[in-house]
Amino acid sequence: MLQASHSKDFYPAMGHSFVPLDTTDFAYGITNNHGAIVVSEDGVYMIVAAPQVGCMMCDGEFRLWLSVNGKYVENSNVLLNVDDSIKDVIISQGAIPLKAGDVVQVMMYGDNGIGLEAINRANEPLVPAIIFTMYKVSN
């Protein structure tokens, strides 16, 4: 089981980018190497990636999907059409069979300055730029 997140804004240059995960809240049998998630056991894993999407005065698309060993996972892409000053959370989730040593990464694309926002409010916990949860559901 793993829960990880990213504590800072992330606005990559145009094009596809992997999403960093700079915080590991807890990990058991799964390792987070700054967003390269390494599985230690064969099995079917439930993966949930929940980015906090934001921008200021922009229009375009934000997309997020999963990659295993550098290959995109079929039917894992989610899309948000963004206009003006929007902040929203979208969810990519799915059950994926993995082998020991497989590397999972969250990938993204954002138009025109659209990216991931970490939001810090006084006297409240951080809203991470993304929360990533993964756990084994069967052998």
Protein backbone atom coordinates (compact mmCIF):
# COMPACT_ATOMS: atom_id res chain seq x y z
CA MET A 1 0.00 0.00 0.00
CA LEU A 2 1.21 3.50 -0.78
CA GLN A 3 -0.08 7.00 -0.33
CA ALA A 4 2.05 9.78 -1.77
CA SER A 5 1.55 13.40 -2.79
CA HIS A 6 3.29 16.47 -4.18
CA SER A 7 3.63 19.50 -1.93
CA LYS A 8 4.41 22.19 -4.52
CA ASP A 9 2.81 23.69 -7.62
CA PHE A 10 3.79 21.88 -10.82
CA TYR A 11 3.45 23.68 -14.15
CA PRO A 12 5.59 21.82 -16.70
CA ALA A 13 6.43 23.18 -20.13
CA MET A 14 4.00 22.28 -22.90
CA GLY A 15 3.98 18.60 -23.77
CA HIS A 16 3.71 15.36 -21.85
CA SER A 17 5.36 15.21 -18.44
CA PHE A 18 5.56 12.76 -15.58
CA VAL A 19 4.11 14.00 -12.28
CA PRO A 20 6.54 14.16 -9.35
CA LEU A 21 5.53 12.89 -5.91
CA ASP A 22 7.79 14.50 -3.28
CA THR A 23 6.02 13.21 -0.16
CA THR A 24 5.39 9.62 0.94
CA ASP A 25 2.67 9.58 3.59
CA PHE A 26 3.07 5.82 4.10
CA ALA A 27 4.37 2.85 2.13
CA TYR A 28 4.20 -0.91 2.53
CA GLY A 29 5.49 -3.15 -0.26
CA ILE A 30 5.51 -0.29 -2.77
CA THR A 31 8.31 2.28 -3.13
CA ASN A 32 7.98 5.92 -4.20
CA ASN A 33 11.10 7.26 -5.94
CA HIS A 34 9.94 10.88 -6.49
CA GLY A 35 7.02 9.69 -8.63
CA ALA A 36 8.49 6.49 -10.06
CA ILE A 37 6.44 3.92 -8.11
CA VAL A 38 8.09 0.48 -7.87
CA VAL A 39 5.99 -2.60 -7.05
CA SER A 40 7.60 -5.38 -4.97
CA GLU A 41 5.01 -8.16 -5.53
CA ASP A 42 3.01 -9.51 -8.47
CA GLY A 43 -0.71 -8.79 -8.22
CA VAL A 44 -3.64 -6.63 -9.22
CA TYR A 45 -3.38 -3.11 -7.82
CA MET A 46 -6.00 -0.40 -7.42
CA ILE A 47 -4.55 2.99 -8.35
CA VAL A 48 -6.16 6.36 -7.66
CA ALA A 49 -4.54 9.61 -8.83
CA ALA A 50 -6.31 12.83 -7.81
CA PRO A 51 -4.66 16.03 -9.08
CA GLN A 52 -5.63 19.55 -7.97
CA VAL A 53 -5.78 21.27 -11.38
CA GLY A 54 -5.45 25.03 -11.61
CA CYS A 55 -4.46 28.03 -13.70
CA MET A 56 -4.95 31.76 -13.79
CA MET A 57 -6.71 33.26 -16.81
CA CYS A 58 -6.16 30.43 -19.25
CA ASP A 59 -8.09 28.25 -21.65
CA GLY A 60 -7.24 24.73 -22.73
CA GLU A 61 -7.15 21.10 -21.71
CA PHE A 62 -5.63 19.17 -18.84
CA ARG A 63 -5.14 15.42 -19.22
CA LEU A 64 -3.81 12.84 -16.77
CA TRP A 65 -3.10 9.14 -17.32
CA LEU A 66 -0.97 6.26 -16.03
CA SER A 67 2.19 4.68 -17.41
CA VAL A 68 3.72 1.28 -16.55
CA ASN A 69 7.35 0.68 -17.54
CA GLY A 70 7.17 3.62 -19.94
CA LYS A 71 4.04 2.41 -21.77
CA TYR A 72 0.73 4.22 -21.41
CA VAL A 73 -2.03 2.28 -19.66
CA GLU A 74 -5.09 1.82 -21.89
CA ASN A 75 -8.27 3.63 -20.82
CA SER A 76 -6.59 5.50 -17.93
CA ASN A 77 -6.76 9.03 -19.40
CA VAL A 78 -9.02 11.69 -17.87
CA LEU A 79 -9.66 15.14 -19.34
CA LEU A 80 -10.68 18.51 -17.95
CA ASN A 81 -11.55 21.46 -20.21
CA VAL A 82 -10.35 24.59 -18.44
CA ASP A 83 -11.43 28.18 -18.87
CA ASP A 84 -10.73 31.33 -16.87
CA SER A 85 -9.55 30.90 -13.26
CA ILE A 86 -10.60 27.35 -12.48
CA LYS A 87 -9.50 24.99 -9.73
CA ASP A 88 -10.83 21.44 -9.81
CA VAL A 89 -9.96 17.87 -8.88
CA ILE A 90 -10.31 15.07 -11.42
CA ILE A 91 -9.74 11.39 -10.71
CA SER A 92 -7.96 8.71 -12.71
CA GLN A 93 -8.51 5.30 -11.18
CA GLY A 94 -8.35 1.68 -12.18
CA ALA A 95 -7.28 -1.85 -11.33
CA ILE A 96 -4.08 -2.91 -13.09
CA PRO A 97 -2.21 -6.24 -13.06
CA LEU A 98 1.46 -5.61 -12.23
CA LYS A 99 4.63 -7.69 -11.82
CA ALA A 100 7.33 -7.27 -9.18
CA GLY A 101 9.72 -4.56 -10.36
CA ASP A 102 7.16 -2.77 -12.54
CA VAL A 103 7.40 1.02 -12.44
CA VAL A 104 4.18 3.06 -12.40
CA GLN A 105 4.15 6.79 -13.18
CA VAL A 106 1.43 9.39 -13.42
CA MET A 107 1.64 11.37 -16.65
CA MET A 108 0.03 14.70 -17.54
CA TYR A 109 -0.44 17.30 -20.24
CA GLY A 110 -1.62 20.87 -19.70
CA ASP A 111 -2.22 23.64 -22.26
CA ASN A 112 -1.41 27.32 -21.71
CA GLY A 113 -0.12 27.30 -18.14
CA ILE A 114 -2.54 24.69 -16.82
CA GLY A 115 -0.95 22.50 -14.17
CA LEU A 116 -1.11 21.18 -10.63
CA GLU A 117 -1.59 23.54 -7.69
CA ALA A 118 -0.72 22.98 -4.05
CA ILE A 119 -2.91 25.24 -1.92
CA ASN A 120 -1.85 26.36 1.53
CA ARG A 121 -4.49 27.99 3.76
CA ALA A 122 -3.82 29.31 7.26
CA ASN A 123 -4.71 26.87 10.06
CA GLU A 124 -5.59 24.06 7.62
CA PRO A 125 -3.72 21.08 6.17
CA LEU A 126 -2.08 21.50 2.77
CA VAL A 127 -4.13 20.75 -0.33
CA PRO A 128 -1.45 18.78 -2.23
CA ALA A 129 -0.95 19.26 -5.96
CA ILE A 130 -1.81 15.56 -6.30
CA ILE A 131 -2.71 12.69 -3.98
CA PHE A 132 -1.74 9.23 -5.24
CA THR A 133 -3.01 6.05 -3.58
CA MET A 134 -2.18 2.49 -4.62
CA TYR A 135 -2.93 -0.83 -2.97
CA LYS A 136 -2.89 -4.51 -3.85
CA VAL A 137 -6.36 -6.04 -4.23
CA SER A 138 -5.50 -9.61 -5.29
CA ASN A 139 -2.76 -11.97 -6.37
